[in-house]
Amino acid sequence: EQHFSRLLSLHPHRLDSLDHYSNILYVLNMRPKLAFVAHLCS
């Protein structure tokens, strides 16, 4: 999660592989962060 978070901060408009990031956030039950990533992608 920390690696993906750093990746997102470096490349905030890059959507490649964010589906993997959402899986990790789902697993960790990080609902607010997953909501943020979903809003960003949209």
PDB file of all heavy atoms in Angstrom:
ATOM      1  N   GLU A   1       0.831  -1.213   0.000  1.00  0.00           N
ATOM      2  CA  GLU A   1       0.000   0.000   0.000  1.00  0.00           C
ATOM      3  C   GLU A   1       0.859   1.253   0.000  1.00  0.00           C
ATOM      4  O   GLU A   1       0.578   2.221  -0.716  1.00  0.00           O
ATOM      5  CB  GLU A   1      -0.930  -0.032   1.225  1.00  0.00           C
ATOM      6  CG  GLU A   1      -2.049   0.993   1.180  1.00  0.00           C
ATOM      7  CD  GLU A   1      -1.610   2.398   1.584  1.00  0.00           C
ATOM      8  OE1 GLU A   1      -0.753   2.505   2.477  1.00  0.00           O
ATOM      9  OE2 GLU A   1      -2.112   3.380   1.000  1.00  0.00           O
ATOM     10  N   GLN A   2       1.927   1.240   0.780  1.00  0.00           N
ATOM     11  CA  GLN A   2       2.815   2.411   0.828  1.00  0.00           C
ATOM     12  C   GLN A   2       3.511   2.645  -0.513  1.00  0.00           C
ATOM     13  O   GLN A   2       3.657   3.787  -0.962  1.00  0.00           O
ATOM     14  CB  GLN A   2       3.846   2.228   1.939  1.00  0.00           C
ATOM     15  CG  GLN A   2       3.263   2.369   3.339  1.00  0.00           C
ATOM     16  CD  GLN A   2       4.189   1.839   4.415  1.00  0.00           C
ATOM     17  OE1 GLN A   2       5.343   1.524   4.160  1.00  0.00           O
ATOM     18  NE2 GLN A   2       3.670   1.710   5.635  1.00  0.00           N
ATOM     19  N   HIS A   3       3.915   1.539  -1.178  1.00  0.00           N
ATOM     20  CA  HIS A   3       4.557   1.678  -2.499  1.00  0.00           C
ATOM     21  C   HIS A   3       3.577   2.280  -3.508  1.00  0.00           C
ATOM     22  O   HIS A   3       3.948   3.171  -4.281  1.00  0.00           O
ATOM     23  CB  HIS A   3       5.037   0.313  -2.997  1.00  0.00           C
ATOM     24  CG  HIS A   3       6.221  -0.222  -2.252  1.00  0.00           C
ATOM     25  ND1 HIS A   3       7.328   0.555  -1.954  1.00  0.00           N
ATOM     26  CD2 HIS A   3       6.489  -1.461  -1.754  1.00  0.00           C
ATOM     27  CE1 HIS A   3       8.208  -0.183  -1.296  1.00  0.00           C
ATOM     28  NE2 HIS A   3       7.722  -1.405  -1.171  1.00  0.00           N
ATOM     29  N   PHE A   4       2.337   1.807  -3.495  1.00  0.00           N
ATOM     30  CA  PHE A   4       1.349   2.349  -4.431  1.00  0.00           C
ATOM     31  C   PHE A   4       1.012   3.801  -4.095  1.00  0.00           C
ATOM     32  O   PHE A   4       0.779   4.612  -4.995  1.00  0.00           O
ATOM     33  CB  PHE A   4       0.076   1.495  -4.423  1.00  0.00           C
ATOM     34  CG  PHE A   4       0.071   0.401  -5.451  1.00  0.00           C
ATOM     35  CD1 PHE A   4       0.022  -0.925  -5.066  1.00  0.00           C
ATOM     36  CD2 PHE A   4       0.121   0.692  -6.807  1.00  0.00           C
ATOM     37  CE1 PHE A   4       0.027  -1.946  -6.009  1.00  0.00           C
ATOM     38  CE2 PHE A   4       0.121  -0.321  -7.751  1.00  0.00           C
ATOM     39  CZ  PHE A   4       0.067  -1.637  -7.358  1.00  0.00           C
ATOM     40  N   SER A   5       0.987   4.103  -2.814  1.00  0.00           N
ATOM     41  CA  SER A   5       0.695   5.473  -2.396  1.00  0.00           C
ATOM     42  C   SER A   5       1.781   6.430  -2.900  1.00  0.00           C
ATOM     43  O   SER A   5       1.494   7.523  -3.406  1.00  0.00           O
ATOM     44  CB  SER A   5       0.602   5.536  -0.868  1.00  0.00           C
ATOM     45  OG  SER A   5       0.221   6.809  -0.446  1.00  0.00           O
ATOM     46  N   ARG A   6       3.046   5.990  -2.797  1.00  0.00           N
ATOM     47  CA  ARG A   6       4.157   6.806  -3.313  1.00  0.00           C
ATOM     48  C   ARG A   6       4.053   6.954  -4.832  1.00  0.00           C
ATOM     49  O   ARG A   6       4.258   8.036  -5.389  1.00  0.00           O
ATOM     50  CB  ARG A   6       5.484   6.152  -2.939  1.00  0.00           C
ATOM     51  CG  ARG A   6       6.678   6.938  -3.484  1.00  0.00           C
ATOM     52  CD  ARG A   6       8.018   6.347  -3.090  1.00  0.00           C
ATOM     53  NE  ARG A   6       9.084   7.082  -3.751  1.00  0.00           N
ATOM     54  CZ  ARG A   6      10.002   6.538  -4.524  1.00  0.00           C
ATOM     55  NH1 ARG A   6      10.002   5.234  -4.744  1.00  0.00           N
ATOM     56  NH2 ARG A   6      10.929   7.273  -5.091  1.00  0.00           N
ATOM     57  N   LEU A   7       3.721   5.861  -5.498  1.00  0.00           N
ATOM     58  CA  LEU A   7       3.574   5.889  -6.955  1.00  0.00           C
ATOM     59  C   LEU A   7       2.494   6.882  -7.365  1.00  0.00           C
ATOM     60  O   LEU A   7       2.666   7.666  -8.316  1.00  0.00           O
ATOM     61  CB  LEU A   7       3.212   4.482  -7.455  1.00  0.00           C
ATOM     62  CG  LEU A   7       2.954   4.300  -8.946  1.00  0.00           C
ATOM     63  CD1 LEU A   7       4.208   4.577  -9.750  1.00  0.00           C
ATOM     64  CD2 LEU A   7       2.450   2.897  -9.228  1.00  0.00           C
ATOM     65  N   LEU A   8       1.384   6.884  -6.615  1.00  0.00           N
ATOM     66  CA  LEU A   8       0.282   7.790  -6.932  1.00  0.00           C
ATOM     67  C   LEU A   8       0.673   9.245  -6.695  1.00  0.00           C
ATOM     68  O   LEU A   8       0.267  10.139  -7.451  1.00  0.00           O
ATOM     69  CB  LEU A   8      -0.938   7.425  -6.080  1.00  0.00           C
ATOM     70  CG  LEU A   8      -2.286   7.961  -6.542  1.00  0.00           C
ATOM     71  CD1 LEU A   8      -2.621   7.458  -7.932  1.00  0.00           C
ATOM     72  CD2 LEU A   8      -3.384   7.549  -5.569  1.00  0.00           C
ATOM     73  N   SER A   9       1.489   9.489  -5.680  1.00  0.00           N
ATOM     74  CA  SER A   9       1.930  10.872  -5.429  1.00  0.00           C
ATOM     75  C   SER A   9       2.893  11.363  -6.514  1.00  0.00           C
ATOM     76  O   SER A   9       2.899  12.543  -6.860  1.00  0.00           O
ATOM     77  CB  SER A   9       2.591  10.973  -4.048  1.00  0.00           C
ATOM     78  OG  SER A   9       3.775  10.204  -4.019  1.00  0.00           O
ATOM     79  N   LEU A  10       3.706  10.436  -7.060  1.00  0.00           N
ATOM     80  CA  LEU A  10       4.633  10.819  -8.131  1.00  0.00           C
ATOM     81  C   LEU A  10       3.925  10.979  -9.471  1.00  0.00           C
ATOM     82  O   LEU A  10       4.299  11.834 -10.284  1.00  0.00           O
ATOM     83  CB  LEU A  10       5.732   9.751  -8.275  1.00  0.00           C
ATOM     84  CG  LEU A  10       6.799   9.690  -7.188  1.00  0.00           C
ATOM     85  CD1 LEU A  10       7.672   8.453  -7.370  1.00  0.00           C
ATOM     86  CD2 LEU A  10       7.664  10.948  -7.216  1.00  0.00           C
ATOM     87  N   HIS A  11       2.901  10.141  -9.712  1.00  0.00           N
ATOM     88  CA  HIS A  11       2.203  10.159 -11.010  1.00  0.00           C
ATOM     89  C   HIS A  11       0.688  10.194 -10.755  1.00  0.00           C
ATOM     90  O   HIS A  11      -0.002   9.191 -10.937  1.00  0.00           O
ATOM     91  CB  HIS A  11       2.573   8.919 -11.833  1.00  0.00           C
ATOM     92  CG  HIS A  11       4.050   8.710 -11.977  1.00  0.00           C
ATOM     93  ND1 HIS A  11       4.820   9.406 -12.892  1.00  0.00           N
ATOM     94  CD2 HIS A  11       4.902   7.892 -11.331  1.00  0.00           C
ATOM     95  CE1 HIS A  11       6.083   9.011 -12.797  1.00  0.00           C
ATOM     96  NE2 HIS A  11       6.153   8.101 -11.848  1.00  0.00           N
ATOM     97  N   PRO A  12       0.153  11.339 -10.327  1.00  0.00           N
ATOM     98  CA  PRO A  12      -1.250  11.385  -9.885  1.00  0.00           C
ATOM     99  C   PRO A  12      -2.280  11.162 -10.991  1.00  0.00           C
ATOM    100  O   PRO A  12      -3.440  10.890 -10.696  1.00  0.00           O
ATOM    101  CB  PRO A  12      -1.378  12.793  -9.288  1.00  0.00           C
ATOM    102  CG  PRO A  12      -0.270  13.576  -9.897  1.00  0.00           C
ATOM    103  CD  PRO A  12       0.842  12.621 -10.142  1.00  0.00           C
ATOM    104  N   HIS A  13      -1.876  11.299 -12.259  1.00  0.00           N
ATOM    105  CA  HIS A  13      -2.840  11.110 -13.343  1.00  0.00           C
ATOM    106  C   HIS A  13      -2.663   9.770 -14.048  1.00  0.00           C
ATOM    107  O   HIS A  13      -3.294   9.517 -15.065  1.00  0.00           O
ATOM    108  CB  HIS A  13      -2.714  12.244 -14.369  1.00  0.00           C
ATOM    109  CG  HIS A  13      -2.984  13.594 -13.782  1.00  0.00           C
ATOM    110  ND1 HIS A  13      -1.983  14.482 -13.459  1.00  0.00           N
ATOM    111  CD2 HIS A  13      -4.149  14.190 -13.413  1.00  0.00           C
ATOM    112  CE1 HIS A  13      -2.502  15.576 -12.934  1.00  0.00           C
ATOM    113  NE2 HIS A  13      -3.815  15.420 -12.891  1.00  0.00           N
ATOM    114  N   ARG A  14      -1.806   8.919 -13.526  1.00  0.00           N
ATOM    115  CA  ARG A  14      -1.542   7.621 -14.153  1.00  0.00           C
ATOM    116  C   ARG A  14      -2.497   6.575 -13.584  1.00  0.00           C
ATOM    117  O   ARG A  14      -2.494   6.304 -12.389  1.00  0.00           O
ATOM    118  CB  ARG A  14      -0.085   7.210 -13.894  1.00  0.00           C
ATOM    119  CG  ARG A  14       0.323   5.891 -14.528  1.00  0.00           C
ATOM    120  CD  ARG A  14       1.784   5.594 -14.215  1.00  0.00           C
ATOM    121  NE  ARG A  14       2.253   4.372 -14.848  1.00  0.00           N
ATOM    122  CZ  ARG A  14       2.204   3.156 -14.305  1.00  0.00           C
ATOM    123  NH1 ARG A  14       1.686   3.015 -13.091  1.00  0.00           N
ATOM    124  NH2 ARG A  14       2.654   2.100 -14.953  1.00  0.00           N
ATOM    125  N   LEU A  15      -3.296   5.971 -14.452  1.00  0.00           N
ATOM    126  CA  LEU A  15      -4.299   5.000 -14.001  1.00  0.00           C
ATOM    127  C   LEU A  15      -3.829   3.548 -14.113  1.00  0.00           C
ATOM    128  O   LEU A  15      -4.469   2.658 -13.542  1.00  0.00           O
ATOM    129  CB  LEU A  15      -5.592   5.168 -14.821  1.00  0.00           C
ATOM    130  CG  LEU A  15      -6.262   6.544 -14.740  1.00  0.00           C
ATOM    131  CD1 LEU A  15      -7.553   6.543 -15.531  1.00  0.00           C
ATOM    132  CD2 LEU A  15      -6.527   6.943 -13.296  1.00  0.00           C
ATOM    133  N   ASP A  16      -2.740   3.310 -14.840  1.00  0.00           N
ATOM    134  CA  ASP A  16      -2.251   1.938 -15.009  1.00  0.00           C
ATOM    135  C   ASP A  16      -2.012   1.285 -13.644  1.00  0.00           C
ATOM    136  O   ASP A  16      -1.388   1.881 -12.765  1.00  0.00           O
ATOM    137  CB  ASP A  16      -0.940   1.917 -15.800  1.00  0.00           C
ATOM    138  CG  ASP A  16      -1.064   2.620 -17.140  1.00  0.00           C
ATOM    139  OD1 ASP A  16      -1.449   3.800 -17.123  1.00  0.00           O
ATOM    140  OD2 ASP A  16      -0.770   2.017 -18.173  1.00  0.00           O
ATOM    141  N   SER A  17      -2.494   0.087 -13.475  1.00  0.00           N
ATOM    142  CA  SER A  17      -2.272  -0.750 -12.275  1.00  0.00           C
ATOM    143  C   SER A  17      -3.003  -0.264 -11.024  1.00  0.00           C
ATOM    144  O   SER A  17      -2.829  -0.842  -9.958  1.00  0.00           O
ATOM    145  CB  SER A  17      -0.776  -0.877 -11.949  1.00  0.00           C
ATOM    146  OG  SER A  17      -0.082  -1.425 -13.038  1.00  0.00           O
ATOM    147  N   LEU A  18      -3.817   0.780 -11.144  1.00  0.00           N
ATOM    148  CA  LEU A  18      -4.547   1.219  -9.948  1.00  0.00           C
ATOM    149  C   LEU A  18      -5.615   0.201  -9.539  1.00  0.00           C
ATOM    150  O   LEU A  18      -6.089   0.226  -8.401  1.00  0.00           O
ATOM    151  CB  LEU A  18      -5.187   2.593 -10.173  1.00  0.00           C
ATOM    152  CG  LEU A  18      -4.221   3.786 -10.155  1.00  0.00           C
ATOM    153  CD1 LEU A  18      -4.994   5.090 -10.138  1.00  0.00           C
ATOM    154  CD2 LEU A  18      -3.277   3.734  -8.955  1.00  0.00           C
ATOM    155  N   ASP A  19      -5.973  -0.701 -10.467  1.00  0.00           N
ATOM    156  CA  ASP A  19      -6.904  -1.762 -10.065  1.00  0.00           C
ATOM    157  C   ASP A  19      -6.255  -2.660  -9.009  1.00  0.00           C
ATOM    158  O   ASP A  19      -6.912  -3.108  -8.063  1.00  0.00           O
ATOM    159  CB  ASP A  19      -7.368  -2.573 -11.278  1.00  0.00           C
ATOM    160  CG  ASP A  19      -6.215  -3.035 -12.159  1.00  0.00           C
ATOM    161  OD1 ASP A  19      -5.134  -2.426 -12.104  1.00  0.00           O
ATOM    162  OD2 ASP A  19      -6.401  -4.013 -12.916  1.00  0.00           O
ATOM    163  N   HIS A  20      -4.929  -2.906  -9.139  1.00  0.00           N
ATOM    164  CA  HIS A  20      -4.213  -3.678  -8.108  1.00  0.00           C
ATOM    165  C   HIS A  20      -4.214  -2.918  -6.773  1.00  0.00           C
ATOM    166  O   HIS A  20      -4.378  -3.511  -5.705  1.00  0.00           O
ATOM    167  CB  HIS A  20      -2.764  -3.921  -8.529  1.00  0.00           C
ATOM    168  CG  HIS A  20      -2.629  -4.813  -9.726  1.00  0.00           C
ATOM    169  ND1 HIS A  20      -3.099  -6.107  -9.750  1.00  0.00           N
ATOM    170  CD2 HIS A  20      -2.077  -4.600 -10.945  1.00  0.00           C
ATOM    171  CE1 HIS A  20      -2.845  -6.655 -10.931  1.00  0.00           C
ATOM    172  NE2 HIS A  20      -2.232  -5.759 -11.673  1.00  0.00           N
ATOM    173  N   TYR A  21      -4.013  -1.606  -6.853  1.00  0.00           N
ATOM    174  CA  TYR A  21      -4.001  -0.788  -5.637  1.00  0.00           C
ATOM    175  C   TYR A  21      -5.361  -0.871  -4.943  1.00  0.00           C
ATOM    176  O   TYR A  21      -5.446  -0.994  -3.715  1.00  0.00           O
ATOM    177  CB  TYR A  21      -3.659   0.653  -6.009  1.00  0.00           C
ATOM    178  CG  TYR A  21      -3.465   1.583  -4.820  1.00  0.00           C
ATOM    179  CD1 TYR A  21      -3.027   1.121  -3.586  1.00  0.00           C
ATOM    180  CD2 TYR A  21      -3.707   2.951  -4.947  1.00  0.00           C
ATOM    181  CE1 TYR A  21      -2.832   1.969  -2.512  1.00  0.00           C
ATOM    182  CE2 TYR A  21      -3.515   3.816  -3.886  1.00  0.00           C
ATOM    183  CZ  TYR A  21      -3.083   3.324  -2.668  1.00  0.00           C
ATOM    184  OH  TYR A  21      -2.894   4.181  -1.606  1.00  0.00           O
ATOM    185  N   SER A  22      -6.424  -0.826  -5.733  1.00  0.00           N
ATOM    186  CA  SER A  22      -7.760  -0.892  -5.127  1.00  0.00           C
ATOM    187  C   SER A  22      -7.990  -2.246  -4.450  1.00  0.00           C
ATOM    188  O   SER A  22      -8.673  -2.327  -3.423  1.00  0.00           O
ATOM    189  CB  SER A  22      -8.833  -0.632  -6.191  1.00  0.00           C
ATOM    190  OG  SER A  22      -8.958  -1.719  -7.081  1.00  0.00           O
ATOM    191  N   ASN A  23      -7.406  -3.320  -5.007  1.00  0.00           N
ATOM    192  CA  ASN A  23      -7.526  -4.631  -4.357  1.00  0.00           C
ATOM    193  C   ASN A  23      -6.881  -4.614  -2.976  1.00  0.00           C
ATOM    194  O   ASN A  23      -7.417  -5.152  -2.006  1.00  0.00           O
ATOM    195  CB  ASN A  23      -6.846  -5.711  -5.209  1.00  0.00           C
ATOM    196  CG  ASN A  23      -7.560  -5.947  -6.520  1.00  0.00           C
ATOM    197  OD1 ASN A  23      -8.751  -5.694  -6.629  1.00  0.00           O
ATOM    198  ND2 ASN A  23      -6.833  -6.415  -7.508  1.00  0.00           N
ATOM    199  N   ILE A  24      -5.702  -3.978  -2.897  1.00  0.00           N
ATOM    200  CA  ILE A  24      -4.976  -3.915  -1.619  1.00  0.00           C
ATOM    201  C   ILE A  24      -5.762  -3.086  -0.608  1.00  0.00           C
ATOM    202  O   ILE A  24      -5.907  -3.465   0.560  1.00  0.00           O
ATOM    203  CB  ILE A  24      -3.566  -3.343  -1.846  1.00  0.00           C
ATOM    204  CG1 ILE A  24      -2.727  -4.340  -2.664  1.00  0.00           C
ATOM    205  CG2 ILE A  24      -2.878  -3.029  -0.520  1.00  0.00           C
ATOM    206  CD1 ILE A  24      -1.453  -3.758  -3.233  1.00  0.00           C
ATOM    207  N   LEU A  25      -6.313  -1.953  -1.049  1.00  0.00           N
ATOM    208  CA  LEU A  25      -7.102  -1.107  -0.148  1.00  0.00           C
ATOM    209  C   LEU A  25      -8.362  -1.840   0.316  1.00  0.00           C
ATOM    210  O   LEU A  25      -8.790  -1.702   1.464  1.00  0.00           O
ATOM    211  CB  LEU A  25      -7.475   0.202  -0.857  1.00  0.00           C
ATOM    212  CG  LEU A  25      -6.292   1.125  -1.190  1.00  0.00           C
ATOM    213  CD1 LEU A  25      -6.763   2.316  -2.012  1.00  0.00           C
ATOM    214  CD2 LEU A  25      -5.599   1.607   0.089  1.00  0.00           C
ATOM    215  N   TYR A  26      -8.951  -2.621  -0.580  1.00  0.00           N
ATOM    216  CA  TYR A  26     -10.121  -3.431  -0.216  1.00  0.00           C
ATOM    217  C   TYR A  26      -9.742  -4.425   0.882  1.00  0.00           C
ATOM    218  O   TYR A  26     -10.430  -4.568   1.893  1.00  0.00           O
ATOM    219  CB  TYR A  26     -10.600  -4.164  -1.469  1.00  0.00           C
ATOM    220  CG  TYR A  26     -11.861  -4.990  -1.292  1.00  0.00           C
ATOM    221  CD1 TYR A  26     -13.040  -4.632  -1.914  1.00  0.00           C
ATOM    222  CD2 TYR A  26     -11.861  -6.143  -0.509  1.00  0.00           C
ATOM    223  CE1 TYR A  26     -14.196  -5.398  -1.766  1.00  0.00           C
ATOM    224  CE2 TYR A  26     -13.005  -6.910  -0.347  1.00  0.00           C
ATOM    225  CZ  TYR A  26     -14.167  -6.528  -0.974  1.00  0.00           C
ATOM    226  OH  TYR A  26     -15.302  -7.291  -0.813  1.00  0.00           O
ATOM    227  N   VAL A  27      -8.635  -5.115   0.657  1.00  0.00           N
ATOM    228  CA  VAL A  27      -8.174  -6.124   1.605  1.00  0.00           C
ATOM    229  C   VAL A  27      -7.911  -5.513   2.971  1.00  0.00           C
ATOM    230  O   VAL A  27      -8.250  -6.079   4.009  1.00  0.00           O
ATOM    231  CB  VAL A  27      -6.896  -6.794   1.055  1.00  0.00           C
ATOM    232  CG1 VAL A  27      -6.189  -7.580   2.138  1.00  0.00           C
ATOM    233  CG2 VAL A  27      -7.212  -7.685  -0.122  1.00  0.00           C
ATOM    234  N   LEU A  28      -7.288  -4.335   2.983  1.00  0.00           N
ATOM    235  CA  LEU A  28      -6.952  -3.658   4.240  1.00  0.00           C
ATOM    236  C   LEU A  28      -8.135  -2.888   4.820  1.00  0.00           C
ATOM    237  O   LEU A  28      -8.007  -2.249   5.859  1.00  0.00           O
ATOM    238  CB  LEU A  28      -5.770  -2.696   4.013  1.00  0.00           C
ATOM    239  CG  LEU A  28      -4.448  -3.371   3.631  1.00  0.00           C
ATOM    240  CD1 LEU A  28      -3.402  -2.325   3.250  1.00  0.00           C
ATOM    241  CD2 LEU A  28      -3.925  -4.234   4.774  1.00  0.00           C
ATOM    242  N   ASN A  29      -9.280  -2.939   4.114  1.00  0.00           N
ATOM    243  CA  ASN A  29     -10.498  -2.262   4.568  1.00  0.00           C
ATOM    244  C   ASN A  29     -10.289  -0.760   4.738  1.00  0.00           C
ATOM    245  O   ASN A  29     -10.839  -0.141   5.650  1.00  0.00           O
ATOM    246  CB  ASN A  29     -11.003  -2.901   5.870  1.00  0.00           C
ATOM    247  CG  ASN A  29     -12.469  -2.613   6.107  1.00  0.00           C
ATOM    248  OD1 ASN A  29     -13.220  -2.392   5.154  1.00  0.00           O
ATOM    249  ND2 ASN A  29     -12.881  -2.594   7.358  1.00  0.00           N
ATOM    250  N   MET A  30      -9.482  -0.154   3.870  1.00  0.00           N
ATOM    251  CA  MET A  30      -9.231   1.301   3.920  1.00  0.00           C
ATOM    252  C   MET A  30     -10.281   2.010   3.056  1.00  0.00           C
ATOM    253  O   MET A  30      -9.995   2.457   1.937  1.00  0.00           O
ATOM    254  CB  MET A  30      -7.819   1.614   3.429  1.00  0.00           C
ATOM    255  CG  MET A  30      -6.720   1.102   4.332  1.00  0.00           C
ATOM    256  SD  MET A  30      -5.092   1.608   3.725  1.00  0.00           S
ATOM    257  CE  MET A  30      -4.040   1.147   5.099  1.00  0.00           C
ATOM    258  N   ARG A  31     -11.472   2.099   3.567  1.00  0.00           N
ATOM    259  CA  ARG A  31     -12.567   2.623   2.760  1.00  0.00           C
ATOM    260  C   ARG A  31     -12.377   4.089   2.348  1.00  0.00           C
ATOM    261  O   ARG A  31     -12.599   4.426   1.188  1.00  0.00           O
ATOM    262  CB  ARG A  31     -13.895   2.444   3.503  1.00  0.00           C
ATOM    263  CG  ARG A  31     -15.092   2.597   2.592  1.00  0.00           C
ATOM    264  CD  ARG A  31     -16.364   2.214   3.277  1.00  0.00           C
ATOM    265  NE  ARG A  31     -16.857   3.295   4.131  1.00  0.00           N
ATOM    266  CZ  ARG A  31     -17.948   3.234   4.883  1.00  0.00           C
ATOM    267  NH1 ARG A  31     -18.657   2.125   4.896  1.00  0.00           N
ATOM    268  NH2 ARG A  31     -18.331   4.237   5.625  1.00  0.00           N
ATOM    269  N   PRO A  32     -11.954   4.984   3.266  1.00  0.00           N
ATOM    270  CA  PRO A  32     -11.774   6.376   2.834  1.00  0.00           C
ATOM    271  C   PRO A  32     -10.735   6.518   1.716  1.00  0.00           C
ATOM    272  O   PRO A  32     -10.946   7.258   0.756  1.00  0.00           O
ATOM    273  CB  PRO A  32     -11.317   7.093   4.122  1.00  0.00           C
ATOM    274  CG  PRO A  32     -11.791   6.229   5.229  1.00  0.00           C
ATOM    275  CD  PRO A  32     -11.726   4.834   4.719  1.00  0.00           C
ATOM    276  N   LYS A  33      -9.634   5.776   1.828  1.00  0.00           N
ATOM    277  CA  LYS A  33      -8.596   5.881   0.801  1.00  0.00           C
ATOM    278  C   LYS A  33      -9.084   5.286  -0.516  1.00  0.00           C
ATOM    279  O   LYS A  33      -8.795   5.816  -1.593  1.00  0.00           O
ATOM    280  CB  LYS A  33      -7.310   5.190   1.268  1.00  0.00           C
ATOM    281  CG  LYS A  33      -6.111   5.497   0.388  1.00  0.00           C
ATOM    282  CD  LYS A  33      -4.796   5.093   1.027  1.00  0.00           C
ATOM    283  CE  LYS A  33      -4.274   6.156   1.956  1.00  0.00           C
ATOM    284  NZ  LYS A  33      -2.871   5.914   2.370  1.00  0.00           N
ATOM    285  N   LEU A  34      -9.832   4.178  -0.440  1.00  0.00           N
ATOM    286  CA  LEU A  34     -10.372   3.582  -1.663  1.00  0.00           C
ATOM    287  C   LEU A  34     -11.380   4.532  -2.313  1.00  0.00           C
ATOM    288  O   LEU A  34     -11.424   4.655  -3.550  1.00  0.00           O
ATOM    289  CB  LEU A  34     -11.034   2.232  -1.344  1.00  0.00           C
ATOM    290  CG  LEU A  34     -11.620   1.450  -2.527  1.00  0.00           C
ATOM    291  CD1 LEU A  34     -10.586   1.255  -3.624  1.00  0.00           C
ATOM    292  CD2 LEU A  34     -12.148   0.098  -2.069  1.00  0.00           C
ATOM    293  N   ALA A  35     -12.154   5.231  -1.504  1.00  0.00           N
ATOM    294  CA  ALA A  35     -13.100   6.225  -2.039  1.00  0.00           C
ATOM    295  C   ALA A  35     -12.339   7.343  -2.749  1.00  0.00           C
ATOM    296  O   ALA A  35     -12.740   7.800  -3.835  1.00  0.00           O
ATOM    297  CB  ALA A  35     -13.952   6.801  -0.907  1.00  0.00           C
ATOM    298  N   PHE A  36     -11.211   7.772  -2.149  1.00  0.00           N
ATOM    299  CA  PHE A  36     -10.395   8.822  -2.770  1.00  0.00           C
ATOM    300  C   PHE A  36      -9.846   8.356  -4.119  1.00  0.00           C
ATOM    301  O   PHE A  36      -9.900   9.095  -5.119  1.00  0.00           O
ATOM    302  CB  PHE A  36      -9.240   9.198  -1.834  1.00  0.00           C
ATOM    303  CG  PHE A  36      -8.171  10.011  -2.502  1.00  0.00           C
ATOM    304  CD1 PHE A  36      -8.364  11.355  -2.789  1.00  0.00           C
ATOM    305  CD2 PHE A  36      -6.966   9.430  -2.863  1.00  0.00           C
ATOM    306  CE1 PHE A  36      -7.384  12.097  -3.422  1.00  0.00           C
ATOM    307  CE2 PHE A  36      -5.975  10.152  -3.497  1.00  0.00           C
ATOM    308  CZ  PHE A  36      -6.186  11.500  -3.779  1.00  0.00           C
ATOM    309  N   VAL A  37      -9.312   7.132  -4.171  1.00  0.00           N
ATOM    310  CA  VAL A  37      -8.745   6.610  -5.424  1.00  0.00           C
ATOM    311  C   VAL A  37      -9.837   6.459  -6.477  1.00  0.00           C
ATOM    312  O   VAL A  37      -9.625   6.778  -7.655  1.00  0.00           O
ATOM    313  CB  VAL A  37      -8.019   5.267  -5.181  1.00  0.00           C
ATOM    314  CG1 VAL A  37      -7.514   4.674  -6.491  1.00  0.00           C
ATOM    315  CG2 VAL A  37      -6.844   5.454  -4.225  1.00  0.00           C
ATOM    316  N   ALA A  38     -11.025   6.001  -6.067  1.00  0.00           N
ATOM    317  CA  ALA A  38     -12.139   5.861  -7.011  1.00  0.00           C
ATOM    318  C   ALA A  38     -12.533   7.223  -7.583  1.00  0.00           C
ATOM    319  O   ALA A  38     -12.763   7.369  -8.790  1.00  0.00           O
ATOM    320  CB  ALA A  38     -13.331   5.207  -6.312  1.00  0.00           C
ATOM    321  N   HIS A  39     -12.592   8.234  -6.710  1.00  0.00           N
ATOM    322  CA  HIS A  39     -12.931   9.588  -7.170  1.00  0.00           C
ATOM    323  C   HIS A  39     -11.856  10.120  -8.111  1.00  0.00           C
ATOM    324  O   HIS A  39     -12.166  10.746  -9.141  1.00  0.00           O
ATOM    325  CB  HIS A  39     -13.087  10.516  -5.962  1.00  0.00           C
ATOM    326  CG  HIS A  39     -13.401  11.930  -6.334  1.00  0.00           C
ATOM    327  ND1 HIS A  39     -14.645  12.316  -6.789  1.00  0.00           N
ATOM    328  CD2 HIS A  39     -12.627  13.051  -6.349  1.00  0.00           C
ATOM    329  CE1 HIS A  39     -14.625  13.614  -7.054  1.00  0.00           C
ATOM    330  NE2 HIS A  39     -13.415  14.083  -6.795  1.00  0.00           N
ATOM    331  N   LEU A  40     -10.595   9.864  -7.777  1.00  0.00           N
ATOM    332  CA  LEU A  40      -9.486  10.322  -8.618  1.00  0.00           C
ATOM    333  C   LEU A  40      -9.567   9.687 -10.011  1.00  0.00           C
ATOM    334  O   LEU A  40      -9.449  10.374 -11.033  1.00  0.00           O
ATOM    335  CB  LEU A  40      -8.153   9.958  -7.955  1.00  0.00           C
ATOM    336  CG  LEU A  40      -6.892  10.287  -8.750  1.00  0.00           C
ATOM    337  CD1 LEU A  40      -6.694  11.791  -8.837  1.00  0.00           C
ATOM    338  CD2 LEU A  40      -5.670   9.641  -8.119  1.00  0.00           C
ATOM    339  N   CYS A  41      -9.784   8.375 -10.044  1.00  0.00           N
ATOM    340  CA  CYS A  41      -9.883   7.678 -11.341  1.00  0.00           C
ATOM    341  C   CYS A  41     -11.033   8.221 -12.170  1.00  0.00           C
ATOM    342  O   CYS A  41     -10.909   8.430 -13.379  1.00  0.00           O
ATOM    343  CB  CYS A  41     -10.085   6.180 -11.120  1.00  0.00           C
ATOM    344  SG  CYS A  41      -8.653   5.326 -10.457  1.00  0.00           S
ATOM    345  N   SER A  42     -12.153   8.449 -11.500  1.00  0.00           N
ATOM    346  CA  SER A  42     -13.327   8.953 -12.208  1.00  0.00           C
ATOM    347  C   SER A  42     -13.074  10.344 -12.787  1.00  0.00           C
ATOM    348  O   SER A  42     -13.513  10.663 -13.890  1.00  0.00           O
ATOM    349  CB  SER A  42     -14.517   8.982 -11.254  1.00  0.00           C
ATOM    350  OG  SER A  42     -15.680   9.388 -11.929  1.00  0.00           O
TER     351      SER A  42
END
